[in-house]
Amino acid sequence: MATINDVLTEIELAVKTVPNVRVHREPTDNIDPPTVVFGPLSMEWDVPCAYPTSGTLELYVIAKFDDRMNERLYALLPLVAQAVDENTTHATVRSSVPGLYPTGNTSLPAQILTIEISLGG
C-alpha cells in the first residue's frame, strides 16, 4: 500500500525531471519561476477504514509575470503533466485551470494541475 508521503515523493521526483524547474512541496513566498508548488491534498475513503484510499492534489505550475507568461505556461504545463504521467505509478493528471499563486504582496500567473492519486494497494 502506498502512503501519502510515498505518493507525494513520487510526484516530486517526477516533476524534478523537468529541466530548469524548481519544486516546493510546501507553500512558500520564495518563488523564482519557473516553479511548481504542491497545493492542498483532498483525500477520500472508499469504505470505513483508518487510511484514505485515494485523493486529489493540486500542483501550481508558476511562470514569471511578464509579456510572455502565457507562452511560458503553455510550454511548461505539458512537460510537467507528462513527467507526472510517465514517472509515477500512483498519480494521473486529470485537468488544468488557470489561476494565480499568492506570494508576498503579489500573485504570480499559474496553471493549476489536478492530479488524482491512488493510495490503495
Protein backbone atom coordinates (compact mmCIF):
# COMPACT_ATOMS: atom_id res chain seq x y z
CA MET A 1 0.00 0.00 0.00
CA ALA A 2 1.34 3.44 -0.93
CA THR A 3 1.40 6.02 1.83
CA ILE A 4 0.56 9.68 1.26
CA ASN A 5 4.21 10.61 1.67
CA ASP A 6 5.28 7.88 -0.78
CA VAL A 7 2.97 9.24 -3.48
CA LEU A 8 3.92 12.87 -2.88
CA THR A 9 7.60 11.94 -3.06
CA GLU A 10 6.96 10.03 -6.29
CA ILE A 11 5.28 13.11 -7.79
CA GLU A 12 8.05 15.41 -6.55
CA LEU A 13 10.76 13.24 -8.11
CA ALA A 14 8.79 13.08 -11.37
CA VAL A 15 8.44 16.87 -11.58
CA LYS A 16 12.15 17.30 -10.80
CA THR A 17 12.90 15.54 -14.12
CA VAL A 18 11.64 18.67 -15.94
CA PRO A 19 14.71 20.81 -16.72
CA ASN A 20 15.12 24.21 -15.02
CA VAL A 21 12.03 23.89 -12.79
CA ARG A 22 12.15 24.44 -9.05
CA VAL A 23 9.84 22.29 -6.91
CA HIS A 24 8.38 23.11 -3.48
CA ARG A 25 6.39 20.51 -1.54
CA GLU A 26 5.17 23.17 0.88
CA PRO A 27 3.67 26.60 0.14
CA THR A 28 6.30 29.33 0.11
CA ASP A 29 6.78 33.01 -0.62
CA ASN A 30 10.24 32.25 -2.01
CA ILE A 31 9.20 31.78 -5.64
CA ASP A 32 11.62 32.07 -8.55
CA PRO A 33 9.72 30.90 -11.66
CA PRO A 34 9.53 28.55 -13.35
CA THR A 35 8.35 26.78 -10.22
CA VAL A 36 5.93 24.02 -9.23
CA VAL A 37 4.34 24.22 -5.79
CA PHE A 38 2.30 21.45 -4.19
CA GLY A 39 -1.14 22.66 -3.16
CA PRO A 40 -3.66 21.10 -0.82
CA LEU A 41 -4.42 17.39 -0.93
CA SER A 42 -8.03 16.21 -0.74
CA MET A 43 -8.48 12.63 0.45
CA GLU A 44 -11.24 10.03 0.19
CA TRP A 45 -12.05 6.82 2.00
CA ASP A 46 -13.82 4.13 -0.06
CA VAL A 47 -15.07 2.28 3.00
CA PRO A 48 -14.84 3.00 6.68
CA CYS A 49 -11.17 2.47 7.41
CA ALA A 50 -8.30 4.28 9.07
CA TYR A 51 -6.42 5.20 5.92
CA PRO A 52 -7.54 7.12 2.81
CA THR A 53 -7.67 5.15 -0.44
CA SER A 54 -7.49 7.98 -2.97
CA GLY A 55 -7.12 11.71 -3.26
CA THR A 56 -6.73 14.77 -5.42
CA LEU A 57 -3.67 17.02 -5.44
CA GLU A 58 -3.37 20.50 -6.87
CA LEU A 59 0.01 21.38 -8.40
CA TYR A 60 0.65 25.05 -9.14
CA VAL A 61 2.75 25.45 -12.29
CA ILE A 62 4.01 29.03 -11.95
CA ALA A 63 5.55 31.40 -14.50
CA LYS A 64 7.17 34.81 -14.26
CA PHE A 65 4.72 37.69 -14.70
CA ASP A 66 5.73 39.38 -17.96
CA ASP A 67 4.64 39.72 -21.58
CA ARG A 68 5.49 36.04 -22.26
CA MET A 69 3.83 34.45 -19.21
CA ASN A 70 1.15 32.55 -21.16
CA GLU A 71 3.69 31.32 -23.69
CA ARG A 72 5.90 30.06 -20.85
CA LEU A 73 3.00 28.42 -19.01
CA TYR A 74 1.73 26.68 -22.14
CA ALA A 75 5.23 25.35 -22.86
CA LEU A 76 5.86 24.18 -19.29
CA LEU A 77 2.46 22.69 -18.50
CA PRO A 78 2.65 19.66 -20.84
CA LEU A 79 6.19 18.90 -19.64
CA VAL A 80 5.07 18.78 -16.00
CA ALA A 81 1.94 16.75 -16.84
CA GLN A 82 3.94 14.29 -18.93
CA ALA A 83 6.56 13.91 -16.20
CA VAL A 84 3.86 13.02 -13.66
CA ASP A 85 2.01 10.64 -16.00
CA GLU A 86 5.13 8.83 -17.21
CA ASN A 87 7.18 8.69 -14.00
CA THR A 88 4.64 7.79 -11.33
CA THR A 89 2.60 4.68 -10.61
CA HIS A 90 0.07 6.24 -8.23
CA ALA A 91 -0.76 9.57 -9.91
CA THR A 92 -2.68 10.64 -13.02
CA VAL A 93 -3.09 14.18 -14.35
CA ARG A 94 -6.78 14.94 -14.95
CA SER A 95 -7.15 18.64 -15.73
CA SER A 96 -5.71 22.13 -15.56
CA VAL A 97 -7.27 25.51 -14.85
CA PRO A 98 -5.74 28.97 -14.94
CA GLY A 99 -5.11 30.66 -11.63
CA LEU A 100 -2.81 32.75 -9.51
CA TYR A 101 -0.32 31.77 -6.85
CA PRO A 102 -0.20 34.29 -3.98
CA THR A 103 3.32 35.18 -2.89
CA GLY A 104 4.32 38.07 -0.67
CA ASN A 105 2.43 41.18 -1.77
CA THR A 106 1.65 39.90 -5.24
CA SER A 107 0.30 36.92 -7.17
CA LEU A 108 2.02 35.06 -9.96
CA PRO A 109 0.33 33.51 -13.02
CA ALA A 110 -0.20 29.78 -12.76
CA GLN A 111 -1.89 26.78 -14.23
CA ILE A 112 -3.30 24.53 -11.52
CA LEU A 113 -2.98 20.85 -12.40
CA THR A 114 -5.45 18.47 -10.81
CA ILE A 115 -3.82 15.10 -10.14
CA GLU A 116 -5.71 12.04 -8.95
CA ILE A 117 -3.74 9.79 -6.65
CA SER A 118 -4.26 6.19 -5.62
CA LEU A 119 -3.29 5.11 -2.12
CA GLY A 120 -4.69 1.60 -2.10
CA GLY A 121 -2.55 -1.45 -2.78
